[in-house]
Amino acid sequence: MANRKGVFIGAYVPNDLKEKLRRRAANEHRTLSQEITRILEEAVNGRRLPPGAIDRRSPNSPSRRRTSDPLPRRRREDLPQGSESASEVKE
């Protein structure tokens, strides 16, 4: 017998709804039970935000990309061999 965490709360649903839920669970690599549990948790507790949705930087922090970066912006490994700075790169 499987070691289950929780209680069984049987519910009757139409076959087409069961199949839609089963396909949705398979697309998310979950079992049908896991998918139904996730849907119920979101319905009761509210949707979870995706990672990175909340900006945790302080209001007065500088922007992520400085406006002072010279164009074209390049990574160090993109610079020609022997070059010390981006100012040597000509457009």
C-alpha atoms as a PDB file:
ATOM      1  CA  MET A   1       0.000   0.000   0.000  1.00  0.00           C
ATOM      2  CA  ALA A   2       1.286   3.465  -0.892  1.00  0.00           C
ATOM      3  CA  ASN A   3       2.338   5.888   1.802  1.00  0.00           C
ATOM      4  CA  ARG A   4      -0.084   8.771   1.229  1.00  0.00           C
ATOM      5  CA  LYS A   5       0.047  12.168   2.878  1.00  0.00           C
ATOM      6  CA  GLY A   6      -3.407  13.634   3.236  1.00  0.00           C
ATOM      7  CA  VAL A   7      -7.007  12.492   3.158  1.00  0.00           C
ATOM      8  CA  PHE A   8      -9.146  11.122   0.375  1.00  0.00           C
ATOM      9  CA  ILE A   9     -11.952  13.516  -0.582  1.00  0.00           C
ATOM     10  CA  GLY A  10     -13.603  11.670  -3.454  1.00  0.00           C
ATOM     11  CA  ALA A  11     -15.447  13.751  -6.010  1.00  0.00           C
ATOM     12  CA  TYR A  12     -17.448  12.877  -9.089  1.00  0.00           C
ATOM     13  CA  VAL A  13     -16.394  14.783 -12.211  1.00  0.00           C
ATOM     14  CA  PRO A  14     -17.403  14.352 -15.857  1.00  0.00           C
ATOM     15  CA  ASN A  15     -15.127  12.086 -17.898  1.00  0.00           C
ATOM     16  CA  ASP A  16     -14.101  14.893 -20.259  1.00  0.00           C
ATOM     17  CA  LEU A  17     -12.976  17.038 -17.300  1.00  0.00           C
ATOM     18  CA  LYS A  18     -11.006  14.120 -15.891  1.00  0.00           C
ATOM     19  CA  GLU A  19      -9.243  13.643 -19.231  1.00  0.00           C
ATOM     20  CA  LYS A  20      -8.447  17.361 -19.507  1.00  0.00           C
ATOM     21  CA  LEU A  21      -6.990  17.324 -16.001  1.00  0.00           C
ATOM     22  CA  ARG A  22      -5.027  14.157 -16.757  1.00  0.00           C
ATOM     23  CA  ARG A  23      -3.528  15.716 -19.921  1.00  0.00           C
ATOM     24  CA  ARG A  24      -2.734  18.941 -18.086  1.00  0.00           C
ATOM     25  CA  ALA A  25      -1.019  16.977 -15.307  1.00  0.00           C
ATOM     26  CA  ALA A  26       0.989  14.982 -17.846  1.00  0.00           C
ATOM     27  CA  ASN A  27       2.120  18.201 -19.574  1.00  0.00           C
ATOM     28  CA  GLU A  28       3.341  19.510 -16.201  1.00  0.00           C
ATOM     29  CA  HIS A  29       4.995  16.159 -15.334  1.00  0.00           C
ATOM     30  CA  ARG A  30       2.691  15.662 -12.353  1.00  0.00           C
ATOM     31  CA  THR A  31       0.294  12.965 -11.296  1.00  0.00           C
ATOM     32  CA  LEU A  32      -3.422  13.660 -11.541  1.00  0.00           C
ATOM     33  CA  SER A  33      -3.577  13.856  -7.749  1.00  0.00           C
ATOM     34  CA  GLN A  34      -0.704  16.384  -7.628  1.00  0.00           C
ATOM     35  CA  GLU A  35      -2.348  18.545 -10.283  1.00  0.00           C
ATOM     36  CA  ILE A  36      -5.719  18.551  -8.505  1.00  0.00           C
ATOM     37  CA  THR A  37      -3.977  19.388  -5.210  1.00  0.00           C
ATOM     38  CA  ARG A  38      -2.114  22.281  -6.870  1.00  0.00           C
ATOM     39  CA  ILE A  39      -5.349  23.644  -8.373  1.00  0.00           C
ATOM     40  CA  LEU A  40      -7.142  23.424  -5.012  1.00  0.00           C
ATOM     41  CA  GLU A  41      -4.241  25.120  -3.174  1.00  0.00           C
ATOM     42  CA  GLU A  42      -4.236  27.992  -5.678  1.00  0.00           C
ATOM     43  CA  ALA A  43      -8.013  28.337  -5.358  1.00  0.00           C
ATOM     44  CA  VAL A  44      -7.832  28.551  -1.564  1.00  0.00           C
ATOM     45  CA  ASN A  45      -4.502  30.339  -1.003  1.00  0.00           C
ATOM     46  CA  GLY A  46      -4.250  32.407  -4.186  1.00  0.00           C
ATOM     47  CA  ARG A  47      -1.852  32.066  -7.089  1.00  0.00           C
ATOM     48  CA  ARG A  48       1.847  31.801  -6.449  1.00  0.00           C
ATOM     49  CA  LEU A  49       3.958  34.367  -8.244  1.00  0.00           C
ATOM     50  CA  PRO A  50       6.589  33.123 -10.671  1.00  0.00           C
ATOM     51  CA  PRO A  51      10.238  33.474  -9.597  1.00  0.00           C
ATOM     52  CA  GLY A  52      11.548  36.990 -10.142  1.00  0.00           C
ATOM     53  CA  ALA A  53       8.096  38.572 -10.226  1.00  0.00           C
ATOM     54  CA  ILE A  54       8.790  40.627  -7.115  1.00  0.00           C
ATOM     55  CA  ASP A  55      11.499  43.248  -7.493  1.00  0.00           C
ATOM     56  CA  ARG A  56      13.359  43.176  -4.179  1.00  0.00           C
ATOM     57  CA  ARG A  57      15.695  46.079  -4.957  1.00  0.00           C
ATOM     58  CA  SER A  58      15.311  49.252  -2.936  1.00  0.00           C
ATOM     59  CA  PRO A  59      13.502  52.162  -4.630  1.00  0.00           C
ATOM     60  CA  ASN A  60      16.646  54.299  -4.829  1.00  0.00           C
ATOM     61  CA  SER A  61      18.968  51.582  -6.178  1.00  0.00           C
ATOM     62  CA  PRO A  62      20.535  52.217  -9.604  1.00  0.00           C
ATOM     63  CA  SER A  63      19.074  50.595 -12.694  1.00  0.00           C
ATOM     64  CA  ARG A  64      20.339  47.176 -13.630  1.00  0.00           C
ATOM     65  CA  ARG A  65      22.029  48.442 -16.779  1.00  0.00           C
ATOM     66  CA  ARG A  66      23.956  51.649 -16.343  1.00  0.00           C
ATOM     67  CA  THR A  67      23.196  54.376 -18.860  1.00  0.00           C
ATOM     68  CA  SER A  68      26.889  55.216 -18.839  1.00  0.00           C
ATOM     69  CA  ASP A  69      27.872  51.929 -20.522  1.00  0.00           C
ATOM     70  CA  PRO A  70      29.443  52.757 -23.901  1.00  0.00           C
ATOM     71  CA  LEU A  71      27.812  51.412 -27.056  1.00  0.00           C
ATOM     72  CA  PRO A  72      28.157  48.792 -28.326  1.00  0.00           C
ATOM     73  CA  ARG A  73      28.001  47.037 -24.969  1.00  0.00           C
ATOM     74  CA  ARG A  74      30.253  44.005 -25.029  1.00  0.00           C
ATOM     75  CA  ARG A  75      31.341  41.264 -22.717  1.00  0.00           C
ATOM     76  CA  ARG A  76      35.042  41.085 -21.910  1.00  0.00           C
ATOM     77  CA  GLU A  77      35.482  37.841 -23.872  1.00  0.00           C
ATOM     78  CA  ASP A  78      33.999  39.535 -26.961  1.00  0.00           C
ATOM     79  CA  LEU A  79      36.821  42.096 -27.087  1.00  0.00           C
ATOM     80  CA  PRO A  80      39.681  41.562 -29.560  1.00  0.00           C
ATOM     81  CA  GLN A  81      42.819  39.850 -28.247  1.00  0.00           C
ATOM     82  CA  GLY A  82      45.260  42.179 -26.487  1.00  0.00           C
ATOM     83  CA  SER A  83      42.658  44.858 -25.838  1.00  0.00           C
ATOM     84  CA  GLU A  84      42.558  46.313 -22.328  1.00  0.00           C
ATOM     85  CA  SER A  85      39.295  48.256 -22.453  1.00  0.00           C
ATOM     86  CA  ALA A  86      36.161  48.676 -24.501  1.00  0.00           C
ATOM     87  CA  SER A  87      37.272  52.182 -25.524  1.00  0.00           C
ATOM     88  CA  GLU A  88      39.819  50.621 -27.895  1.00  0.00           C
ATOM     89  CA  VAL A  89      37.062  48.879 -29.857  1.00  0.00           C
ATOM     90  CA  LYS A  90      36.031  50.933 -32.898  1.00  0.00           C
ATOM     91  CA  GLU A  91      32.597  50.715 -34.439  1.00  0.00           C
END
